[in-house]
Amino acid sequence: METRIDIDKPLYQPGQTLHMRFLCRDHAHRAAVDRPLAVSISDPQNAQAFTASLNTDRFGVAATDWNIPPNQRLGEYRIQAGDSNLLVKVSRYELPSFTVTAVADRAYYLPGQDATVEVRAQYLFGKPVPAAAVRIGRENNRRETGEGQTDVSGVLRANLDLRALHKELRSSDNRYRDTT
């Protein structure tokens, strides 16, 4: 039996409810009707945190919820159901009170070209975030390539010298390749 695990979000806090849905198919990819399904959740130390014995419905679907205890250990949990597993993170977090957008002056840069990036910080209620510290870094290794502070309108315009980054490029570094 093949099992697909769906959850409503990848990150939960202690005290929240983790909603799980399981779609089960037989080896011919048809709904696995009225089949037993054992579900377990293991904590970061591989200790059992939750178990449930379910049966699929006429569509091959089963569902359950786990009310995460308020004092539950933080970290990555493994949901195991049939032949499938899925990692979910339990962590304390606060929702952001502002958004950040960054717009570059070009879609791509050739060797010898530098970048100008406009970073805009805005509170969720629409006002700018003045004097906010901004760090600009490469997505793949988080190495900082620029920093600054937003002005009174919540904007930072940063000019980035890309020479060092261009020197690191190899001829095999490309994202798109033309094929004929």
Protein backbone atom coordinates (compact mmCIF):
# COMPACT_ATOMS: atom_id res chain seq x y z
CA MET A 1 0.00 0.00 0.00
CA GLU A 2 1.32 3.43 -0.97
CA THR A 3 0.58 6.27 1.48
CA ARG A 4 0.74 10.01 0.94
CA ILE A 5 0.91 12.20 4.06
CA ASP A 6 -0.53 15.73 4.00
CA ILE A 7 -0.39 18.28 6.82
CA ASP A 8 -1.77 21.81 6.89
CA LYS A 9 1.56 23.56 7.55
CA PRO A 10 5.24 22.62 8.04
CA LEU A 11 5.79 24.42 11.38
CA TYR A 12 3.84 24.11 14.62
CA GLN A 13 4.12 25.50 18.13
CA PRO A 14 3.56 23.53 21.33
CA GLY A 15 -0.15 23.80 22.18
CA GLN A 16 -1.30 23.79 18.54
CA THR A 17 -3.12 21.01 16.70
CA LEU A 18 -1.35 19.16 13.90
CA HIS A 19 -3.95 18.05 11.32
CA MET A 20 -2.92 15.01 9.27
CA ARG A 21 -4.56 13.43 6.23
CA PHE A 22 -3.45 10.22 4.57
CA LEU A 23 -4.24 9.10 1.02
CA CYS A 24 -3.67 5.37 0.59
CA ARG A 25 -3.53 3.53 -2.73
CA ASP A 26 -3.00 -0.09 -3.54
CA HIS A 27 -0.26 -1.31 -5.90
CA ALA A 28 -2.56 -0.70 -8.89
CA HIS A 29 -2.89 2.95 -7.73
CA ARG A 30 -6.55 2.52 -6.79
CA ALA A 31 -8.01 3.74 -3.50
CA ALA A 32 -7.09 1.38 -0.67
CA VAL A 33 -10.62 0.99 0.74
CA ASP A 34 -11.25 0.07 4.38
CA ARG A 35 -7.62 -0.73 5.16
CA PRO A 36 -5.96 -0.38 8.58
CA LEU A 37 -3.32 2.35 8.85
CA ALA A 38 -0.93 2.71 11.78
CA VAL A 39 0.24 6.28 12.36
CA SER A 40 3.02 7.30 14.71
CA ILE A 41 4.93 10.48 15.46
CA SER A 42 8.47 10.34 16.89
CA ASP A 43 10.17 13.23 18.68
CA PRO A 44 13.74 14.46 17.95
CA GLN A 45 15.14 11.74 20.28
CA ASN A 46 13.10 9.09 18.43
CA ALA A 47 10.72 8.61 21.37
CA GLN A 48 7.07 7.94 20.54
CA ALA A 49 5.03 11.16 20.91
CA PHE A 50 1.74 10.06 19.29
CA THR A 51 0.12 6.94 17.84
CA ALA A 52 -3.20 6.25 16.16
CA SER A 53 -4.84 3.22 14.56
CA LEU A 54 -7.00 4.34 11.65
CA ASN A 55 -9.03 2.80 8.83
CA THR A 56 -9.26 4.28 5.36
CA ASP A 57 -12.65 5.29 3.97
CA ARG A 58 -14.12 4.39 0.57
CA PHE A 59 -11.77 6.91 -1.07
CA GLY A 60 -8.64 5.51 0.59
CA VAL A 61 -8.44 8.49 2.94
CA ALA A 62 -7.84 8.55 6.69
CA ALA A 63 -7.28 11.54 8.97
CA THR A 64 -6.34 12.31 12.54
CA ASP A 65 -5.18 15.22 14.71
CA TRP A 66 -2.44 15.49 17.30
CA ASN A 67 -2.91 18.12 19.99
CA ILE A 68 0.71 19.02 20.64
CA PRO A 69 1.19 19.32 24.43
CA PRO A 70 2.23 22.82 25.61
CA ASN A 71 5.46 21.47 27.14
CA GLN A 72 6.40 19.30 24.14
CA ARG A 73 10.10 19.10 23.23
CA LEU A 74 11.10 21.39 20.33
CA GLY A 75 12.67 20.06 17.13
CA GLU A 76 11.92 17.90 14.09
CA TYR A 77 9.28 15.20 14.44
CA ARG A 78 8.79 12.26 12.08
CA ILE A 79 5.27 11.28 11.05
CA GLN A 80 5.22 7.61 10.01
CA ALA A 81 2.21 6.12 8.20
CA GLY A 82 2.43 2.89 6.24
CA ASP A 83 5.47 3.04 3.96
CA SER A 84 5.77 6.85 4.14
CA ASN A 85 7.18 9.37 6.54
CA LEU A 86 7.25 13.15 6.73
CA LEU A 87 9.24 15.56 8.90
CA VAL A 88 7.48 18.41 10.69
CA LYS A 89 9.04 21.03 12.94
CA VAL A 90 7.77 21.99 16.40
CA SER A 91 9.21 25.34 17.45
CA ARG A 92 8.28 28.53 19.22
CA TYR A 93 7.86 31.41 16.81
CA GLU A 94 6.30 34.82 16.58
CA LEU A 95 4.54 36.03 13.50
CA PRO A 96 6.42 38.87 11.80
CA SER A 97 5.05 42.37 12.27
CA PHE A 98 6.52 43.60 8.99
CA THR A 99 7.32 42.46 5.46
CA VAL A 100 10.50 42.87 3.46
CA THR A 101 10.76 42.98 -0.32
CA ALA A 102 13.91 43.24 -2.40
CA VAL A 103 14.04 44.23 -6.05
CA ALA A 104 17.22 44.12 -8.15
CA ASP A 105 17.81 46.50 -11.04
CA ARG A 106 18.37 43.55 -13.42
CA ALA A 107 17.19 39.97 -13.76
CA TYR A 108 20.79 38.71 -14.09
CA TYR A 109 24.32 40.11 -14.05
CA LEU A 110 27.23 39.48 -16.38
CA PRO A 111 30.86 39.59 -15.24
CA GLY A 112 31.89 43.21 -14.77
CA GLN A 113 28.38 44.37 -13.82
CA ASP A 114 27.44 45.43 -10.30
CA ALA A 115 23.99 45.21 -8.74
CA THR A 116 21.72 47.85 -7.30
CA VAL A 117 19.11 46.40 -4.96
CA GLU A 118 16.20 48.23 -3.38
CA VAL A 119 15.07 46.73 -0.08
CA ARG A 120 11.73 47.93 1.31
CA ALA A 121 10.53 47.18 4.87
CA GLN A 122 6.89 47.87 5.72
CA TYR A 123 4.79 47.11 8.81
CA LEU A 124 1.75 44.93 8.17
CA PHE A 125 -0.49 47.95 8.82
CA GLY A 126 1.19 49.83 5.94
CA LYS A 127 3.68 52.23 7.55
CA PRO A 128 7.40 52.07 6.63
CA VAL A 129 9.99 50.56 9.00
CA PRO A 130 12.60 53.32 9.44
CA ALA A 131 16.18 52.69 10.64
CA ALA A 132 15.94 48.90 10.24
CA ALA A 133 19.23 47.01 9.95
CA VAL A 134 19.50 45.15 6.63
CA ARG A 135 21.95 42.42 5.65
CA ILE A 136 22.11 41.19 2.06
CA GLY A 137 23.56 37.75 1.42
CA ARG A 138 23.76 34.93 -1.08
CA GLU A 139 20.87 32.52 -0.86
CA ASN A 140 22.98 29.37 -1.12
CA ASN A 141 25.51 30.11 1.64
CA ARG A 142 24.25 33.19 3.52
CA ARG A 143 27.60 34.93 3.08
CA GLU A 144 27.00 38.64 3.45
CA THR A 145 27.50 40.78 0.34
CA GLY A 146 26.08 44.04 1.67
CA GLU A 147 24.49 45.75 4.62
CA GLY A 148 22.90 49.03 5.58
CA GLN A 149 19.92 50.67 7.20
CA THR A 150 16.53 51.70 5.86
CA ASP A 151 15.79 55.41 5.59
CA VAL A 152 12.71 57.19 7.02
CA SER A 153 10.59 55.76 4.18
CA GLY A 154 11.68 52.19 5.02
CA VAL A 155 13.91 51.86 1.95
CA LEU A 156 17.56 50.89 1.52
CA ARG A 157 19.23 51.21 -1.89
CA ALA A 158 22.38 49.12 -1.89
CA ASN A 159 25.06 49.02 -4.56
CA LEU A 160 26.74 45.63 -4.53
CA ASP A 161 30.21 45.00 -5.94
CA LEU A 162 29.93 41.60 -7.63
CA ARG A 163 33.58 41.23 -8.75
CA ALA A 164 34.49 38.69 -6.06
CA LEU A 165 31.36 36.66 -6.78
CA HIS A 166 32.03 36.69 -10.52
CA LYS A 167 35.58 35.39 -9.90
CA GLU A 168 34.07 32.36 -8.14
CA LEU A 169 32.00 31.43 -11.19
CA ARG A 170 32.97 28.33 -13.14
CA SER A 171 32.01 27.61 -16.72
CA SER A 172 29.74 24.86 -15.39
CA ASP A 173 27.77 27.33 -13.22
CA ASN A 174 24.56 28.02 -15.07
CA ARG A 175 20.92 27.87 -14.27
CA TYR A 176 19.51 27.60 -17.75
CA ARG A 177 21.03 25.82 -20.68
CA ASP A 178 19.97 26.06 -24.33
CA THR A 179 19.54 22.68 -25.98
CA THR A 180 18.91 21.87 -29.63
